[in-house]
Amino acid sequence: MLAAPLLTASLLSVLEGRFEIESLQAHMGRVQRQYVRHIAKTLTKLKPYVDSPLQSENVVATRLYRDMLSLNIDKRGGGGGGKSDWLSNGRLIDLVVAEDIFPRIVQFLSAGYDAFAELQHEAVWLLTNVAYGTEAQTTPVVSAGAVPALVG
């Protein structure tokens, strides 16, 4: 007779723990969606600085785009060093691709920008971060002429 109350208490404890985990996961999902929306708004504000005639603005904007894509990499340490779960589908890469900045970023790799090594460094780094994505995500980079610019 004692086994039934212990089993019930144990089952209740497991169910309560599962409810807490599911509640936490739902909360994290809301936070993550808010974070992605915030990043999307920030990216939209950066595009004019990529298009600016001032190289100092180009460098800062390109670096910020690159920094945002670097968030795709799991920096929690330990484990396999893979992408974090909620960014593994490349949401941030999709947001950057939607900004249609790659023709301008590739332009930074041309001979006219040779005197701006920092800008070219940031442009290459940004392009390689996008290359980490899917074929659909890298297609706009290739279409913008990045491959000849990088290897030529």
C-alpha atoms as a PDB file:
ATOM      1  CA  MET A   1       0.000   0.000   0.000  1.00  0.00           C
ATOM      2  CA  LEU A   2       2.861   2.397   0.567  1.00  0.00           C
ATOM      3  CA  ALA A   3       4.136   2.027  -2.986  1.00  0.00           C
ATOM      4  CA  ALA A   4       1.129   3.805  -4.543  1.00  0.00           C
ATOM      5  CA  PRO A   5       1.499   7.096  -2.582  1.00  0.00           C
ATOM      6  CA  LEU A   6       5.258   7.154  -3.263  1.00  0.00           C
ATOM      7  CA  LEU A   7       4.673   6.540  -6.948  1.00  0.00           C
ATOM      8  CA  THR A   8       2.064   9.285  -7.062  1.00  0.00           C
ATOM      9  CA  ALA A   9       4.342  11.755  -5.265  1.00  0.00           C
ATOM     10  CA  SER A  10       7.228  10.838  -7.559  1.00  0.00           C
ATOM     11  CA  LEU A  11       5.086  11.173 -10.677  1.00  0.00           C
ATOM     12  CA  LEU A  12       3.739  14.505  -9.444  1.00  0.00           C
ATOM     13  CA  SER A  13       7.295  15.749  -8.897  1.00  0.00           C
ATOM     14  CA  VAL A  14       8.299  14.723 -12.425  1.00  0.00           C
ATOM     15  CA  LEU A  15       5.231  16.407 -13.922  1.00  0.00           C
ATOM     16  CA  GLU A  16       5.891  19.617 -11.980  1.00  0.00           C
ATOM     17  CA  GLY A  17       9.493  19.613 -13.205  1.00  0.00           C
ATOM     18  CA  ARG A  18       8.372  19.082 -16.786  1.00  0.00           C
ATOM     19  CA  PHE A  19       5.874  21.955 -16.479  1.00  0.00           C
ATOM     20  CA  GLU A  20       8.643  24.244 -15.191  1.00  0.00           C
ATOM     21  CA  ILE A  21      10.906  23.269 -18.095  1.00  0.00           C
ATOM     22  CA  GLU A  22       8.143  23.834 -20.657  1.00  0.00           C
ATOM     23  CA  SER A  23       7.338  27.227 -19.105  1.00  0.00           C
ATOM     24  CA  LEU A  24      10.998  28.206 -19.234  1.00  0.00           C
ATOM     25  CA  GLN A  25      11.286  27.075 -22.861  1.00  0.00           C
ATOM     26  CA  ALA A  26       8.218  29.124 -23.806  1.00  0.00           C
ATOM     27  CA  HIS A  27       9.671  32.181 -22.063  1.00  0.00           C
ATOM     28  CA  MET A  28      13.020  31.711 -23.836  1.00  0.00           C
ATOM     29  CA  GLY A  29      11.212  31.449 -27.159  1.00  0.00           C
ATOM     30  CA  ARG A  30       9.510  34.810 -26.546  1.00  0.00           C
ATOM     31  CA  VAL A  31      12.800  36.432 -25.532  1.00  0.00           C
ATOM     32  CA  GLN A  32      14.557  35.039 -28.588  1.00  0.00           C
ATOM     33  CA  ARG A  33      11.839  36.289 -30.959  1.00  0.00           C
ATOM     34  CA  GLN A  34      12.077  39.764 -29.393  1.00  0.00           C
ATOM     35  CA  TYR A  35      15.864  39.669 -29.777  1.00  0.00           C
ATOM     36  CA  VAL A  36      15.662  38.724 -33.458  1.00  0.00           C
ATOM     37  CA  ARG A  37      13.128  41.538 -34.086  1.00  0.00           C
ATOM     38  CA  HIS A  38      15.476  43.998 -32.366  1.00  0.00           C
ATOM     39  CA  ILE A  39      18.393  42.858 -34.526  1.00  0.00           C
ATOM     40  CA  ALA A  40      16.277  43.189 -37.685  1.00  0.00           C
ATOM     41  CA  LYS A  41      15.467  46.811 -36.794  1.00  0.00           C
ATOM     42  CA  THR A  42      19.130  47.505 -36.088  1.00  0.00           C
ATOM     43  CA  LEU A  43      20.253  46.010 -39.403  1.00  0.00           C
ATOM     44  CA  THR A  44      17.811  48.198 -41.327  1.00  0.00           C
ATOM     45  CA  LYS A  45      19.353  51.263 -39.688  1.00  0.00           C
ATOM     46  CA  LEU A  46      22.866  50.182 -40.756  1.00  0.00           C
ATOM     47  CA  LYS A  47      22.300  49.956 -44.513  1.00  0.00           C
ATOM     48  CA  PRO A  48      22.653  53.720 -45.198  1.00  0.00           C
ATOM     49  CA  TYR A  49      26.099  53.596 -43.596  1.00  0.00           C
ATOM     50  CA  VAL A  50      27.184  50.759 -45.876  1.00  0.00           C
ATOM     51  CA  ASP A  51      26.044  52.897 -48.826  1.00  0.00           C
ATOM     52  CA  SER A  52      27.754  56.025 -47.466  1.00  0.00           C
ATOM     53  CA  PRO A  53      30.613  57.623 -49.424  1.00  0.00           C
ATOM     54  CA  LEU A  54      32.598  57.854 -46.164  1.00  0.00           C
ATOM     55  CA  GLN A  55      34.883  54.874 -45.603  1.00  0.00           C
ATOM     56  CA  SER A  56      34.814  55.388 -41.832  1.00  0.00           C
ATOM     57  CA  GLU A  57      31.039  54.811 -41.875  1.00  0.00           C
ATOM     58  CA  ASN A  58      31.481  51.836 -44.219  1.00  0.00           C
ATOM     59  CA  VAL A  59      33.929  50.218 -41.804  1.00  0.00           C
ATOM     60  CA  VAL A  60      31.691  50.633 -38.755  1.00  0.00           C
ATOM     61  CA  ALA A  61      28.546  49.404 -40.515  1.00  0.00           C
ATOM     62  CA  THR A  62      30.300  46.427 -42.110  1.00  0.00           C
ATOM     63  CA  ARG A  63      31.831  45.503 -38.745  1.00  0.00           C
ATOM     64  CA  LEU A  64      28.421  45.678 -37.053  1.00  0.00           C
ATOM     65  CA  TYR A  65      26.860  43.443 -39.709  1.00  0.00           C
ATOM     66  CA  ARG A  66      29.743  41.017 -39.222  1.00  0.00           C
ATOM     67  CA  ASP A  67      29.423  41.174 -35.437  1.00  0.00           C
ATOM     68  CA  MET A  68      25.735  40.345 -35.658  1.00  0.00           C
ATOM     69  CA  LEU A  69      26.476  37.309 -37.787  1.00  0.00           C
ATOM     70  CA  SER A  70      29.138  36.245 -35.333  1.00  0.00           C
ATOM     71  CA  LEU A  71      26.302  35.815 -32.823  1.00  0.00           C
ATOM     72  CA  ASN A  72      25.369  32.717 -34.839  1.00  0.00           C
ATOM     73  CA  ILE A  73      28.325  30.890 -33.319  1.00  0.00           C
ATOM     74  CA  ASP A  74      27.808  29.256 -29.937  1.00  0.00           C
ATOM     75  CA  LYS A  75      30.098  31.038 -27.473  1.00  0.00           C
ATOM     76  CA  ARG A  76      28.861  29.225 -24.387  1.00  0.00           C
ATOM     77  CA  GLY A  77      31.954  27.046 -24.342  1.00  0.00           C
ATOM     78  CA  GLY A  78      32.145  23.329 -23.830  1.00  0.00           C
ATOM     79  CA  GLY A  79      30.205  20.944 -25.991  1.00  0.00           C
ATOM     80  CA  GLY A  80      30.926  20.482 -29.630  1.00  0.00           C
ATOM     81  CA  GLY A  81      31.445  24.139 -30.444  1.00  0.00           C
ATOM     82  CA  GLY A  82      28.473  24.106 -32.817  1.00  0.00           C
ATOM     83  CA  LYS A  83      25.866  26.749 -33.344  1.00  0.00           C
ATOM     84  CA  SER A  84      23.454  27.585 -30.600  1.00  0.00           C
ATOM     85  CA  ASP A  85      20.083  25.863 -30.970  1.00  0.00           C
ATOM     86  CA  TRP A  86      17.901  28.895 -31.567  1.00  0.00           C
ATOM     87  CA  LEU A  87      20.169  30.401 -34.210  1.00  0.00           C
ATOM     88  CA  SER A  88      21.134  27.188 -35.950  1.00  0.00           C
ATOM     89  CA  ASN A  89      18.675  27.813 -38.781  1.00  0.00           C
ATOM     90  CA  GLY A  90      20.541  30.944 -39.789  1.00  0.00           C
ATOM     91  CA  ARG A  91      17.927  33.527 -38.831  1.00  0.00           C
ATOM     92  CA  LEU A  92      20.540  36.240 -38.531  1.00  0.00           C
ATOM     93  CA  ILE A  93      22.062  35.368 -41.893  1.00  0.00           C
ATOM     94  CA  ASP A  94      18.570  35.580 -43.419  1.00  0.00           C
ATOM     95  CA  LEU A  95      18.159  39.052 -41.904  1.00  0.00           C
ATOM     96  CA  VAL A  96      21.459  40.250 -43.358  1.00  0.00           C
ATOM     97  CA  VAL A  97      20.712  38.697 -46.762  1.00  0.00           C
ATOM     98  CA  ALA A  98      17.377  40.558 -46.780  1.00  0.00           C
ATOM     99  CA  GLU A  99      19.256  43.865 -46.480  1.00  0.00           C
ATOM    100  CA  ASP A 100      20.716  43.395 -49.998  1.00  0.00           C
ATOM    101  CA  ILE A 101      24.130  44.815 -49.069  1.00  0.00           C
ATOM    102  CA  PHE A 102      26.388  42.354 -50.864  1.00  0.00           C
ATOM    103  CA  PRO A 103      26.974  44.289 -54.110  1.00  0.00           C
ATOM    104  CA  ARG A 104      28.304  47.173 -51.992  1.00  0.00           C
ATOM    105  CA  ILE A 105      30.299  44.869 -49.689  1.00  0.00           C
ATOM    106  CA  VAL A 106      31.933  43.228 -52.726  1.00  0.00           C
ATOM    107  CA  GLN A 107      32.708  46.694 -54.075  1.00  0.00           C
ATOM    108  CA  PHE A 108      34.839  47.262 -50.958  1.00  0.00           C
ATOM    109  CA  LEU A 109      37.134  44.496 -52.215  1.00  0.00           C
ATOM    110  CA  SER A 110      37.901  46.308 -55.468  1.00  0.00           C
ATOM    111  CA  ALA A 111      41.172  48.062 -56.257  1.00  0.00           C
ATOM    112  CA  GLY A 112      39.626  51.457 -55.507  1.00  0.00           C
ATOM    113  CA  TYR A 113      39.530  50.495 -51.831  1.00  0.00           C
ATOM    114  CA  ASP A 114      43.073  49.104 -51.520  1.00  0.00           C
ATOM    115  CA  ALA A 115      44.064  51.953 -49.205  1.00  0.00           C
ATOM    116  CA  PHE A 116      41.345  50.878 -46.754  1.00  0.00           C
ATOM    117  CA  ALA A 117      42.680  47.597 -45.406  1.00  0.00           C
ATOM    118  CA  GLU A 118      40.405  47.659 -42.341  1.00  0.00           C
ATOM    119  CA  LEU A 119      37.319  48.016 -44.538  1.00  0.00           C
ATOM    120  CA  GLN A 120      38.463  45.176 -46.780  1.00  0.00           C
ATOM    121  CA  HIS A 121      39.203  43.012 -43.739  1.00  0.00           C
ATOM    122  CA  GLU A 122      35.676  43.558 -42.385  1.00  0.00           C
ATOM    123  CA  ALA A 123      34.124  42.938 -45.808  1.00  0.00           C
ATOM    124  CA  VAL A 124      35.928  39.608 -46.232  1.00  0.00           C
ATOM    125  CA  TRP A 125      35.016  38.548 -42.700  1.00  0.00           C
ATOM    126  CA  LEU A 126      31.343  39.424 -43.278  1.00  0.00           C
ATOM    127  CA  LEU A 127      31.279  37.466 -46.533  1.00  0.00           C
ATOM    128  CA  THR A 128      32.845  34.409 -44.898  1.00  0.00           C
ATOM    129  CA  ASN A 129      30.276  34.558 -42.091  1.00  0.00           C
ATOM    130  CA  VAL A 130      27.514  34.450 -44.702  1.00  0.00           C
ATOM    131  CA  ALA A 131      29.311  31.593 -46.459  1.00  0.00           C
ATOM    132  CA  TYR A 132      28.696  29.661 -43.239  1.00  0.00           C
ATOM    133  CA  GLY A 133      25.006  29.618 -44.194  1.00  0.00           C
ATOM    134  CA  THR A 134      22.930  27.555 -46.573  1.00  0.00           C
ATOM    135  CA  GLU A 135      23.152  27.544 -50.359  1.00  0.00           C
ATOM    136  CA  ALA A 136      20.141  29.861 -50.520  1.00  0.00           C
ATOM    137  CA  GLN A 137      21.852  32.280 -48.153  1.00  0.00           C
ATOM    138  CA  THR A 138      25.158  32.281 -50.031  1.00  0.00           C
ATOM    139  CA  THR A 139      23.623  32.691 -53.504  1.00  0.00           C
ATOM    140  CA  PRO A 140      23.245  36.507 -53.174  1.00  0.00           C
ATOM    141  CA  VAL A 141      26.920  36.732 -52.181  1.00  0.00           C
ATOM    142  CA  VAL A 142      28.005  34.737 -55.235  1.00  0.00           C
ATOM    143  CA  SER A 143      25.630  36.728 -57.459  1.00  0.00           C
ATOM    144  CA  ALA A 144      27.194  39.966 -56.198  1.00  0.00           C
ATOM    145  CA  GLY A 145      30.563  38.820 -57.570  1.00  0.00           C
ATOM    146  CA  ALA A 146      32.237  37.871 -54.287  1.00  0.00           C
ATOM    147  CA  VAL A 147      34.035  34.782 -55.566  1.00  0.00           C
ATOM    148  CA  PRO A 148      36.196  36.553 -58.180  1.00  0.00           C
ATOM    149  CA  ALA A 149      36.745  39.432 -55.749  1.00  0.00           C
ATOM    150  CA  LEU A 150      37.968  37.049 -53.059  1.00  0.00           C
ATOM    151  CA  VAL A 151      40.159  34.796 -55.170  1.00  0.00           C
ATOM    152  CA  GLY A 152      41.221  37.228 -57.875  1.00  0.00           C
END
